Amino acid sequence: MNKKDPMSMTQQEFQEAAEKFLYNNVLPLLQKKGAQYSNGRAFVNFEEGSALHDITPGKYLMIMATKHWHNLCKNPDSNVTERCTDIIVYMLLLIMMNKENSREQHQH
């Protein structure tokens, strides 16, 4: 059997695979984590954690994301997909938190 070289993936194939991964892996994780860690407010976990350390929720979120990145760098052959998916979720949370902060600043 002749396997295709993974480095020969076309842009279209990459786009389709990325969309499928987001739909099948990232979105379900967002829903699961949201149900586990929020009380209806998306950032409550980061608000509570940041209050314990006297830092902003955004900084606390970045610390948590950095922890996952650090673990991935220390163990690049272990749970790569799971660790990267967690990092993607943290980056989406950070983007949405920044959008929310910008929206609130423009309202005041």
PDB file of N, CA and C in Angstrom:
ATOM      1  N   MET A   1       0.847  -1.184   0.000  1.00  0.00           N
ATOM      2  CA  MET A   1       0.000   0.000   0.000  1.00  0.00           C
ATOM      3  C   MET A   1       0.885   1.237   0.000  1.00  0.00           C
ATOM      4  N   ASN A   2       0.582   2.166  -0.849  1.00  0.00           N
ATOM      5  CA  ASN A   2       1.373   3.372  -1.005  1.00  0.00           C
ATOM      6  C   ASN A   2       0.724   4.512  -0.223  1.00  0.00           C
ATOM      7  N   LYS A   3       1.347   4.884   0.910  1.00  0.00           N
ATOM      8  CA  LYS A   3       0.800   5.969   1.723  1.00  0.00           C
ATOM      9  C   LYS A   3       1.219   7.312   1.152  1.00  0.00           C
ATOM     10  N   LYS A   4       0.308   8.267   1.250  1.00  0.00           N
ATOM     11  CA  LYS A   4       0.584   9.616   0.788  1.00  0.00           C
ATOM     12  C   LYS A   4       1.473  10.320   1.807  1.00  0.00           C
ATOM     13  N   ASP A   5       2.444  11.046   1.342  1.00  0.00           N
ATOM     14  CA  ASP A   5       3.320  11.827   2.210  1.00  0.00           C
ATOM     15  C   ASP A   5       2.496  12.915   2.882  1.00  0.00           C
ATOM     16  N   PRO A   6       2.447  12.948   4.255  1.00  0.00           N
ATOM     17  CA  PRO A   6       1.622  13.948   4.932  1.00  0.00           C
ATOM     18  C   PRO A   6       2.062  15.382   4.649  1.00  0.00           C
ATOM     19  N   MET A   7       3.294  15.585   4.264  1.00  0.00           N
ATOM     20  CA  MET A   7       3.781  16.930   3.980  1.00  0.00           C
ATOM     21  C   MET A   7       3.349  17.408   2.600  1.00  0.00           C
ATOM     22  N   SER A   8       2.682  16.543   1.837  1.00  0.00           N
ATOM     23  CA  SER A   8       2.208  16.955   0.513  1.00  0.00           C
ATOM     24  C   SER A   8       0.736  17.373   0.548  1.00  0.00           C
ATOM     25  N   MET A   9       0.188  17.575   1.739  1.00  0.00           N
ATOM     26  CA  MET A   9      -1.205  18.001   1.877  1.00  0.00           C
ATOM     27  C   MET A   9      -1.396  19.333   1.154  1.00  0.00           C
ATOM     28  N   THR A  10      -2.456  19.408   0.385  1.00  0.00           N
ATOM     29  CA  THR A  10      -2.756  20.662  -0.305  1.00  0.00           C
ATOM     30  C   THR A  10      -3.418  21.635   0.674  1.00  0.00           C
ATOM     31  N   GLN A  11      -3.485  22.895   0.281  1.00  0.00           N
ATOM     32  CA  GLN A  11      -4.146  23.895   1.116  1.00  0.00           C
ATOM     33  C   GLN A  11      -5.615  23.534   1.312  1.00  0.00           C
ATOM     34  N   GLN A  12      -6.256  23.059   0.270  1.00  0.00           N
ATOM     35  CA  GLN A  12      -7.666  22.650   0.351  1.00  0.00           C
ATOM     36  C   GLN A  12      -7.830  21.486   1.327  1.00  0.00           C
ATOM     37  N   GLU A  13      -6.961  20.491   1.254  1.00  0.00           N
ATOM     38  CA  GLU A  13      -7.023  19.353   2.177  1.00  0.00           C
ATOM     39  C   GLU A  13      -6.805  19.807   3.623  1.00  0.00           C
ATOM     40  N   PHE A  14      -5.847  20.713   3.804  1.00  0.00           N
ATOM     41  CA  PHE A  14      -5.594  21.257   5.137  1.00  0.00           C
ATOM     42  C   PHE A  14      -6.831  21.976   5.667  1.00  0.00           C
ATOM     43  N   GLN A  15      -7.415  22.815   4.830  1.00  0.00           N
ATOM     44  CA  GLN A  15      -8.603  23.589   5.220  1.00  0.00           C
ATOM     45  C   GLN A  15      -9.731  22.656   5.645  1.00  0.00           C
ATOM     46  N   GLU A  16      -9.967  21.627   4.863  1.00  0.00           N
ATOM     47  CA  GLU A  16     -11.037  20.672   5.175  1.00  0.00           C
ATOM     48  C   GLU A  16     -10.736  19.902   6.454  1.00  0.00           C
ATOM     49  N   ALA A  17      -9.489  19.484   6.628  1.00  0.00           N
ATOM     50  CA  ALA A  17      -9.104  18.744   7.833  1.00  0.00           C
ATOM     51  C   ALA A  17      -9.195  19.633   9.073  1.00  0.00           C
ATOM     52  N   ALA A  18      -8.791  20.886   8.938  1.00  0.00           N
ATOM     53  CA  ALA A  18      -8.859  21.818  10.065  1.00  0.00           C
ATOM     54  C   ALA A  18     -10.308  22.075  10.460  1.00  0.00           C
ATOM     55  N   GLU A  19     -11.176  22.276   9.488  1.00  0.00           N
ATOM     56  CA  GLU A  19     -12.605  22.488   9.782  1.00  0.00           C
ATOM     57  C   GLU A  19     -13.197  21.273  10.482  1.00  0.00           C
ATOM     58  N   LYS A  20     -12.855  20.100   9.990  1.00  0.00           N
ATOM     59  CA  LYS A  20     -13.353  18.860  10.601  1.00  0.00           C
ATOM     60  C   LYS A  20     -12.836  18.730  12.034  1.00  0.00           C
ATOM     61  N   PHE A  21     -11.559  19.044  12.253  1.00  0.00           N
ATOM     62  CA  PHE A  21     -10.971  18.963  13.590  1.00  0.00           C
ATOM     63  C   PHE A  21     -11.658  19.948  14.536  1.00  0.00           C
ATOM     64  N   LEU A  22     -11.852  21.172  14.082  1.00  0.00           N
ATOM     65  CA  LEU A  22     -12.529  22.163  14.920  1.00  0.00           C
ATOM     66  C   LEU A  22     -13.930  21.705  15.290  1.00  0.00           C
ATOM     67  N   TYR A  23     -14.647  21.202  14.315  1.00  0.00           N
ATOM     68  CA  TYR A  23     -16.023  20.769  14.544  1.00  0.00           C
ATOM     69  C   TYR A  23     -16.087  19.543  15.458  1.00  0.00           C
ATOM     70  N   ASN A  24     -15.202  18.577  15.228  1.00  0.00           N
ATOM     71  CA  ASN A  24     -15.258  17.307  15.968  1.00  0.00           C
ATOM     72  C   ASN A  24     -14.509  17.319  17.293  1.00  0.00           C
ATOM     73  N   ASN A  25     -13.536  18.222  17.462  1.00  0.00           N
ATOM     74  CA  ASN A  25     -12.706  18.201  18.659  1.00  0.00           C
ATOM     75  C   ASN A  25     -12.803  19.469  19.504  1.00  0.00           C
ATOM     76  N   VAL A  26     -12.644  20.608  18.869  1.00  0.00           N
ATOM     77  CA  VAL A  26     -12.581  21.866  19.621  1.00  0.00           C
ATOM     78  C   VAL A  26     -13.963  22.278  20.129  1.00  0.00           C
ATOM     79  N   LEU A  27     -14.957  22.296  19.268  1.00  0.00           N
ATOM     80  CA  LEU A  27     -16.298  22.730  19.691  1.00  0.00           C
ATOM     81  C   LEU A  27     -16.878  21.842  20.795  1.00  0.00           C
ATOM     82  N   PRO A  28     -16.771  20.510  20.692  1.00  0.00           N
ATOM     83  CA  PRO A  28     -17.262  19.687  21.798  1.00  0.00           C
ATOM     84  C   PRO A  28     -16.508  19.948  23.109  1.00  0.00           C
ATOM     85  N   LEU A  29     -15.201  20.198  23.026  1.00  0.00           N
ATOM     86  CA  LEU A  29     -14.433  20.490  24.236  1.00  0.00           C
ATOM     87  C   LEU A  29     -14.872  21.820  24.843  1.00  0.00           C
ATOM     88  N   LEU A  30     -15.128  22.813  24.001  1.00  0.00           N
ATOM     89  CA  LEU A  30     -15.638  24.095  24.493  1.00  0.00           C
ATOM     90  C   LEU A  30     -16.949  23.902  25.254  1.00  0.00           C
ATOM     91  N   GLN A  31     -17.831  23.097  24.707  1.00  0.00           N
ATOM     92  CA  GLN A  31     -19.118  22.849  25.365  1.00  0.00           C
ATOM     93  C   GLN A  31     -18.927  22.102  26.683  1.00  0.00           C
ATOM     94  N   LYS A  32     -18.084  21.087  26.670  1.00  0.00           N
ATOM     95  CA  LYS A  32     -17.845  20.281  27.875  1.00  0.00           C
ATOM     96  C   LYS A  32     -17.214  21.134  28.975  1.00  0.00           C
ATOM     97  N   LYS A  33     -16.159  21.858  28.638  1.00  0.00           N
ATOM     98  CA  LYS A  33     -15.470  22.692  29.627  1.00  0.00           C
ATOM     99  C   LYS A  33     -16.373  23.816  30.101  1.00  0.00           C
ATOM    100  N   GLY A  34     -17.158  24.393  29.197  1.00  0.00           N
ATOM    101  CA  GLY A  34     -18.080  25.449  29.575  1.00  0.00           C
ATOM    102  C   GLY A  34     -19.092  24.960  30.596  1.00  0.00           C
ATOM    103  N   ALA A  35     -19.585  23.753  30.397  1.00  0.00           N
ATOM    104  CA  ALA A  35     -20.561  23.189  31.329  1.00  0.00           C
ATOM    105  C   ALA A  35     -19.913  22.878  32.679  1.00  0.00           C
ATOM    106  N   GLN A  36     -18.645  22.455  32.668  1.00  0.00           N
ATOM    107  CA  GLN A  36     -17.953  22.093  33.901  1.00  0.00           C
ATOM    108  C   GLN A  36     -17.509  23.302  34.711  1.00  0.00           C
ATOM    109  N   TYR A  37     -17.022  24.338  34.043  1.00  0.00           N
ATOM    110  CA  TYR A  37     -16.321  25.412  34.745  1.00  0.00           C
ATOM    111  C   TYR A  37     -17.047  26.742  34.814  1.00  0.00           C
ATOM    112  N   SER A  38     -18.210  26.844  34.218  1.00  0.00           N
ATOM    113  CA  SER A  38     -18.901  28.129  34.277  1.00  0.00           C
ATOM    114  C   SER A  38     -20.209  27.969  35.033  1.00  0.00           C
ATOM    115  N   ASN A  39     -20.699  29.068  35.489  1.00  0.00           N
ATOM    116  CA  ASN A  39     -22.023  29.079  36.109  1.00  0.00           C
ATOM    117  C   ASN A  39     -22.966  29.873  35.211  1.00  0.00           C
ATOM    118  N   GLY A  40     -22.724  29.783  33.934  1.00  0.00           N
ATOM    119  CA  GLY A  40     -23.488  30.562  32.968  1.00  0.00           C
ATOM    120  C   GLY A  40     -22.693  31.746  32.434  1.00  0.00           C
ATOM    121  N   ARG A  41     -21.629  32.109  33.144  1.00  0.00           N
ATOM    122  CA  ARG A  41     -20.735  33.188  32.702  1.00  0.00           C
ATOM    123  C   ARG A  41     -19.449  32.550  32.186  1.00  0.00           C
ATOM    124  N   ALA A  42     -19.065  32.890  30.986  1.00  0.00           N
ATOM    125  CA  ALA A  42     -17.962  32.208  30.304  1.00  0.00           C
ATOM    126  C   ALA A  42     -16.620  32.312  31.017  1.00  0.00           C
ATOM    127  N   PHE A  43     -16.367  33.414  31.717  1.00  0.00           N
ATOM    128  CA  PHE A  43     -15.022  33.650  32.248  1.00  0.00           C
ATOM    129  C   PHE A  43     -14.940  33.546  33.767  1.00  0.00           C
ATOM    130  N   VAL A  44     -15.975  33.013  34.405  1.00  0.00           N
ATOM    131  CA  VAL A  44     -16.019  32.991  35.873  1.00  0.00           C
ATOM    132  C   VAL A  44     -14.823  32.250  36.469  1.00  0.00           C
ATOM    133  N   ASN A  45     -14.390  31.176  35.860  1.00  0.00           N
ATOM    134  CA  ASN A  45     -13.252  30.413  36.364  1.00  0.00           C
ATOM    135  C   ASN A  45     -11.993  31.279  36.409  1.00  0.00           C
ATOM    136  N   PHE A  46     -11.818  32.114  35.401  1.00  0.00           N
ATOM    137  CA  PHE A  46     -10.634  32.967  35.335  1.00  0.00           C
ATOM    138  C   PHE A  46     -10.763  34.171  36.259  1.00  0.00           C
ATOM    139  N   GLU A  47     -11.987  34.640  36.445  1.00  0.00           N
ATOM    140  CA  GLU A  47     -12.221  35.733  37.390  1.00  0.00           C
ATOM    141  C   GLU A  47     -11.893  35.274  38.809  1.00  0.00           C
ATOM    142  N   GLU A  48     -12.355  34.085  39.170  1.00  0.00           N
ATOM    143  CA  GLU A  48     -12.098  33.557  40.517  1.00  0.00           C
ATOM    144  C   GLU A  48     -10.620  33.257  40.727  1.00  0.00           C
ATOM    145  N   GLY A  49      -9.986  32.622  39.749  1.00  0.00           N
ATOM    146  CA  GLY A  49      -8.559  32.304  39.862  1.00  0.00           C
ATOM    147  C   GLY A  49      -7.704  33.551  39.922  1.00  0.00           C
ATOM    148  N   SER A  50      -8.048  34.544  39.134  1.00  0.00           N
ATOM    149  CA  SER A  50      -7.252  35.774  39.128  1.00  0.00           C
ATOM    150  C   SER A  50      -7.390  36.537  40.433  1.00  0.00           C
ATOM    151  N   ALA A  51      -8.553  36.478  41.053  1.00  0.00           N
ATOM    152  CA  ALA A  51      -8.758  37.164  42.333  1.00  0.00           C
ATOM    153  C   ALA A  51      -7.858  36.571  43.420  1.00  0.00           C
ATOM    154  N   LEU A  52      -7.629  35.281  43.356  1.00  0.00           N
ATOM    155  CA  LEU A  52      -6.752  34.629  44.341  1.00  0.00           C
ATOM    156  C   LEU A  52      -5.305  35.105  44.237  1.00  0.00           C
ATOM    157  N   HIS A  53      -4.904  35.514  43.046  1.00  0.00           N
ATOM    158  CA  HIS A  53      -3.509  35.906  42.788  1.00  0.00           C
ATOM    159  C   HIS A  53      -3.342  37.403  42.555  1.00  0.00           C
ATOM    160  N   ASP A  54      -4.432  38.142  42.670  1.00  0.00           N
ATOM    161  CA  ASP A  54      -4.420  39.599  42.490  1.00  0.00           C
ATOM    162  C   ASP A  54      -3.861  40.002  41.122  1.00  0.00           C
ATOM    163  N   ILE A  55      -4.338  39.313  40.092  1.00  0.00           N
ATOM    164  CA  ILE A  55      -3.979  39.635  38.706  1.00  0.00           C
ATOM    165  C   ILE A  55      -5.268  39.704  37.899  1.00  0.00           C
ATOM    166  N   THR A  56      -5.173  40.150  36.664  1.00  0.00           N
ATOM    167  CA  THR A  56      -6.365  40.234  35.822  1.00  0.00           C
ATOM    168  C   THR A  56      -6.776  38.838  35.344  1.00  0.00           C
ATOM    169  N   PRO A  57      -8.050  38.664  35.023  1.00  0.00           N
ATOM    170  CA  PRO A  57      -8.483  37.382  34.467  1.00  0.00           C
ATOM    171  C   PRO A  57      -7.716  37.006  33.194  1.00  0.00           C
ATOM    172  N   GLY A  58      -7.400  37.997  32.360  1.00  0.00           N
ATOM    173  CA  GLY A  58      -6.635  37.717  31.137  1.00  0.00           C
ATOM    174  C   GLY A  58      -5.252  37.174  31.431  1.00  0.00           C
ATOM    175  N   LYS A  59      -4.586  37.748  32.425  1.00  0.00           N
ATOM    176  CA  LYS A  59      -3.251  37.240  32.794  1.00  0.00           C
ATOM    177  C   LYS A  59      -3.347  35.829  33.358  1.00  0.00           C
ATOM    178  N   TYR A  60      -4.371  35.598  34.164  1.00  0.00           N
ATOM    179  CA  TYR A  60      -4.558  34.254  34.728  1.00  0.00           C
ATOM    180  C   TYR A  60      -4.799  33.243  33.604  1.00  0.00           C
ATOM    181  N   LEU A  61      -5.624  33.607  32.637  1.00  0.00           N
ATOM    182  CA  LEU A  61      -5.890  32.734  31.500  1.00  0.00           C
ATOM    183  C   LEU A  61      -4.599  32.444  30.737  1.00  0.00           C
ATOM    184  N   MET A  62      -3.773  33.467  30.528  1.00  0.00           N
ATOM    185  CA  MET A  62      -2.510  33.263  29.808  1.00  0.00           C
ATOM    186  C   MET A  62      -1.562  32.351  30.583  1.00  0.00           C
ATOM    187  N   ILE A  63      -1.579  32.450  31.904  1.00  0.00           N
ATOM    188  CA  ILE A  63      -0.757  31.552  32.724  1.00  0.00           C
ATOM    189  C   ILE A  63      -1.207  30.107  32.518  1.00  0.00           C
ATOM    190  N   MET A  64      -2.510  29.888  32.517  1.00  0.00           N
ATOM    191  CA  MET A  64      -3.037  28.541  32.319  1.00  0.00           C
ATOM    192  C   MET A  64      -2.674  28.019  30.924  1.00  0.00           C
ATOM    193  N   ALA A  65      -2.781  28.859  29.917  1.00  0.00           N
ATOM    194  CA  ALA A  65      -2.420  28.452  28.557  1.00  0.00           C
ATOM    195  C   ALA A  65      -0.922  28.149  28.471  1.00  0.00           C
ATOM    196  N   THR A  66      -0.118  28.964  29.140  1.00  0.00           N
ATOM    197  CA  THR A  66       1.333  28.767  29.130  1.00  0.00           C
ATOM    198  C   THR A  66       1.709  27.438  29.775  1.00  0.00           C
ATOM    199  N   LYS A  67       0.974  27.064  30.815  1.00  0.00           N
ATOM    200  CA  LYS A  67       1.220  25.775  31.473  1.00  0.00           C
ATOM    201  C   LYS A  67       1.036  24.634  30.478  1.00  0.00           C
ATOM    202  N   HIS A  68      -0.023  24.700  29.674  1.00  0.00           N
ATOM    203  CA  HIS A  68      -0.254  23.659  28.668  1.00  0.00           C
ATOM    204  C   HIS A  68       0.838  23.685  27.600  1.00  0.00           C
ATOM    205  N   TRP A  69       1.234  24.878  27.177  1.00  0.00           N
ATOM    206  CA  TRP A  69       2.298  24.997  26.176  1.00  0.00           C
ATOM    207  C   TRP A  69       3.608  24.440  26.727  1.00  0.00           C
ATOM    208  N   HIS A  70       3.922  24.774  27.963  1.00  0.00           N
ATOM    209  CA  HIS A  70       5.148  24.290  28.603  1.00  0.00           C
ATOM    210  C   HIS A  70       5.151  22.759  28.675  1.00  0.00           C
ATOM    211  N   ASN A  71       4.020  22.179  29.062  1.00  0.00           N
ATOM    212  CA  ASN A  71       3.925  20.719  29.124  1.00  0.00           C
ATOM    213  C   ASN A  71       4.095  20.086  27.752  1.00  0.00           C
ATOM    214  N   LEU A  72       3.550  20.712  26.729  1.00  0.00           N
ATOM    215  CA  LEU A  72       3.714  20.209  25.368  1.00  0.00           C
ATOM    216  C   LEU A  72       5.179  20.271  24.945  1.00  0.00           C
ATOM    217  N   CYS A  73       5.853  21.376  25.270  1.00  0.00           N
ATOM    218  CA  CYS A  73       7.265  21.519  24.903  1.00  0.00           C
ATOM    219  C   CYS A  73       8.145  20.513  25.643  1.00  0.00           C
ATOM    220  N   LYS A  74       7.812  20.227  26.891  1.00  0.00           N
ATOM    221  CA  LYS A  74       8.589  19.254  27.675  1.00  0.00           C
ATOM    222  C   LYS A  74       8.368  17.831  27.198  1.00  0.00           C
ATOM    223  N   ASN A  75       7.170  17.558  26.705  1.00  0.00           N
ATOM    224  CA  ASN A  75       6.805  16.201  26.269  1.00  0.00           C
ATOM    225  C   ASN A  75       6.158  16.253  24.892  1.00  0.00           C
ATOM    226  N   PRO A  76       6.937  16.570  23.856  1.00  0.00           N
ATOM    227  CA  PRO A  76       6.345  16.785  22.533  1.00  0.00           C
ATOM    228  C   PRO A  76       5.742  15.539  21.892  1.00  0.00           C
ATOM    229  N   ASP A  77       6.058  14.374  22.417  1.00  0.00           N
ATOM    230  CA  ASP A  77       5.512  13.148  21.836  1.00  0.00           C
ATOM    231  C   ASP A  77       4.333  12.599  22.625  1.00  0.00           C
ATOM    232  N   SER A  78       3.917  13.318  23.654  1.00  0.00           N
ATOM    233  CA  SER A  78       2.868  12.823  24.543  1.00  0.00           C
ATOM    234  C   SER A  78       1.604  13.668  24.439  1.00  0.00           C
ATOM    235  N   ASN A  79       0.510  13.057  24.037  1.00  0.00           N
ATOM    236  CA  ASN A  79      -0.800  13.715  23.992  1.00  0.00           C
ATOM    237  C   ASN A  79      -0.794  15.023  23.197  1.00  0.00           C
ATOM    238  N   VAL A  80      -0.130  15.048  22.072  1.00  0.00           N
ATOM    239  CA  VAL A  80       0.010  16.274  21.288  1.00  0.00           C
ATOM    240  C   VAL A  80      -1.355  16.837  20.899  1.00  0.00           C
ATOM    241  N   THR A  81      -2.229  16.008  20.384  1.00  0.00           N
ATOM    242  CA  THR A  81      -3.530  16.489  19.939  1.00  0.00           C
ATOM    243  C   THR A  81      -4.326  17.055  21.105  1.00  0.00           C
ATOM    244  N   GLU A  82      -4.345  16.344  22.218  1.00  0.00           N
ATOM    245  CA  GLU A  82      -5.090  16.810  23.388  1.00  0.00           C
ATOM    246  C   GLU A  82      -4.532  18.122  23.926  1.00  0.00           C
ATOM    247  N   ARG A  83      -3.225  18.216  24.027  1.00  0.00           N
ATOM    248  CA  ARG A  83      -2.600  19.437  24.544  1.00  0.00           C
ATOM    249  C   ARG A  83      -2.836  20.618  23.596  1.00  0.00           C
ATOM    250  N   CYS A  84      -2.695  20.395  22.312  1.00  0.00           N
ATOM    251  CA  CYS A  84      -2.929  21.471  21.347  1.00  0.00           C
ATOM    252  C   CYS A  84      -4.389  21.906  21.357  1.00  0.00           C
ATOM    253  N   THR A  85      -5.295  20.958  21.502  1.00  0.00           N
ATOM    254  CA  THR A  85      -6.714  21.299  21.561  1.00  0.00           C
ATOM    255  C   THR A  85      -6.984  22.173  22.778  1.00  0.00           C
ATOM    256  N   ASP A  86      -6.406  21.827  23.923  1.00  0.00           N
ATOM    257  CA  ASP A  86      -6.556  22.659  25.124  1.00  0.00           C
ATOM    258  C   ASP A  86      -6.016  24.067  24.877  1.00  0.00           C
ATOM    259  N   ILE A  87      -4.875  24.169  24.217  1.00  0.00           N
ATOM    260  CA  ILE A  87      -4.271  25.478  23.937  1.00  0.00           C
ATOM    261  C   ILE A  87      -5.184  26.287  23.010  1.00  0.00           C
ATOM    262  N   ILE A  88      -5.765  25.640  22.007  1.00  0.00           N
ATOM    263  CA  ILE A  88      -6.690  26.323  21.102  1.00  0.00           C
ATOM    264  C   ILE A  88      -7.872  26.870  21.885  1.00  0.00           C
ATOM    265  N   VAL A  89      -8.409  26.082  22.803  1.00  0.00           N
ATOM    266  CA  VAL A  89      -9.540  26.531  23.620  1.00  0.00           C
ATOM    267  C   VAL A  89      -9.136  27.748  24.449  1.00  0.00           C
ATOM    268  N   TYR A  90      -7.954  27.710  25.070  1.00  0.00           N
ATOM    269  CA  TYR A  90      -7.493  28.860  25.850  1.00  0.00           C
ATOM    270  C   TYR A  90      -7.324  30.099  24.967  1.00  0.00           C
ATOM    271  N   MET A  91      -6.820  29.929  23.761  1.00  0.00           N
ATOM    272  CA  MET A  91      -6.650  31.070  22.870  1.00  0.00           C
ATOM    273  C   MET A  91      -8.003  31.641  22.457  1.00  0.00           C
ATOM    274  N   LEU A  92      -8.984  30.783  22.206  1.00  0.00           N
ATOM    275  CA  LEU A  92     -10.329  31.264  21.893  1.00  0.00           C
ATOM    276  C   LEU A  92     -10.927  32.009  23.081  1.00  0.00           C
ATOM    277  N   LEU A  93     -10.725  31.484  24.278  1.00  0.00           N
ATOM    278  CA  LEU A  93     -11.195  32.180  25.477  1.00  0.00           C
ATOM    279  C   LEU A  93     -10.540  33.553  25.605  1.00  0.00           C
ATOM    280  N   LEU A  94      -9.240  33.626  25.353  1.00  0.00           N
ATOM    281  CA  LEU A  94      -8.533  34.899  25.444  1.00  0.00           C
ATOM    282  C   LEU A  94      -9.050  35.904  24.417  1.00  0.00           C
ATOM    283  N   ILE A  95      -9.267  35.443  23.197  1.00  0.00           N
ATOM    284  CA  ILE A  95      -9.803  36.316  22.155  1.00  0.00           C
ATOM    285  C   ILE A  95     -11.174  36.853  22.561  1.00  0.00           C
ATOM    286  N   MET A  96     -12.037  35.972  23.041  1.00  0.00           N
ATOM    287  CA  MET A  96     -13.390  36.390  23.430  1.00  0.00           C
ATOM    288  C   MET A  96     -13.364  37.278  24.670  1.00  0.00           C
ATOM    289  N   MET A  97     -12.457  37.006  25.597  1.00  0.00           N
ATOM    290  CA  MET A  97     -12.328  37.849  26.788  1.00  0.00           C
ATOM    291  C   MET A  97     -11.885  39.252  26.385  1.00  0.00           C
ATOM    292  N   ASN A  98     -10.935  39.348  25.466  1.00  0.00           N
ATOM    293  CA  ASN A  98     -10.478  40.660  24.986  1.00  0.00           C
ATOM    294  C   ASN A  98     -11.589  41.396  24.248  1.00  0.00           C
ATOM    295  N   LYS A  99     -12.385  40.669  23.449  1.00  0.00           N
ATOM    296  CA  LYS A  99     -13.519  41.300  22.762  1.00  0.00           C
ATOM    297  C   LYS A  99     -14.527  41.822  23.780  1.00  0.00           C
ATOM    298  N   GLU A 100     -14.788  41.041  24.811  1.00  0.00           N
ATOM    299  CA  GLU A 100     -15.732  41.456  25.853  1.00  0.00           C
ATOM    300  C   GLU A 100     -15.213  42.686  26.582  1.00  0.00           C
ATOM    301  N   ASN A 101     -13.928  42.690  26.914  1.00  0.00           N
ATOM    302  CA  ASN A 101     -13.337  43.854  27.584  1.00  0.00           C
ATOM    303  C   ASN A 101     -13.414  45.098  26.704  1.00  0.00           C
ATOM    304  N   SER A 102     -13.139  44.952  25.424  1.00  0.00           N
ATOM    305  CA  SER A 102     -13.215  46.088  24.494  1.00  0.00           C
ATOM    306  C   SER A 102     -14.638  46.604  24.387  1.00  0.00           C
ATOM    307  N   ARG A 103     -15.579  45.688  24.324  1.00  0.00           N
ATOM    308  CA  ARG A 103     -16.991  46.068  24.226  1.00  0.00           C
ATOM    309  C   ARG A 103     -17.419  46.839  25.476  1.00  0.00           C
ATOM    310  N   GLU A 104     -17.006  46.361  26.655  1.00  0.00           N
ATOM    311  CA  GLU A 104     -17.350  47.037  27.900  1.00  0.00           C
ATOM    312  C   GLU A 104     -16.701  48.408  27.993  1.00  0.00           C
ATOM    313  N   GLN A 105     -15.459  48.546  27.516  1.00  0.00           N
ATOM    314  CA  GLN A 105     -14.775  49.848  27.560  1.00  0.00           C
ATOM    315  C   GLN A 105     -15.460  50.852  26.651  1.00  0.00           C
ATOM    316  N   HIS A 106     -15.961  50.400  25.516  1.00  0.00           N
ATOM    317  CA  HIS A 106     -16.632  51.312  24.586  1.00  0.00           C
ATOM    318  C   HIS A 106     -18.009  51.736  25.091  1.00  0.00           C
ATOM    319  N   GLN A 107     -18.591  50.946  25.977  1.00  0.00           N
ATOM    320  CA  GLN A 107     -19.898  51.281  26.519  1.00  0.00           C
ATOM    321  C   GLN A 107     -19.805  52.304  27.635  1.00  0.00           C
ATOM    322  N   HIS A 108     -18.629  52.444  28.263  1.00  0.00           N
ATOM    323  CA  HIS A 108     -18.472  53.377  29.386  1.00  0.00           C
ATOM    324  C   HIS A 108     -17.940  54.694  28.935  1.00  0.00           C
TER     325      HIS A 108
END
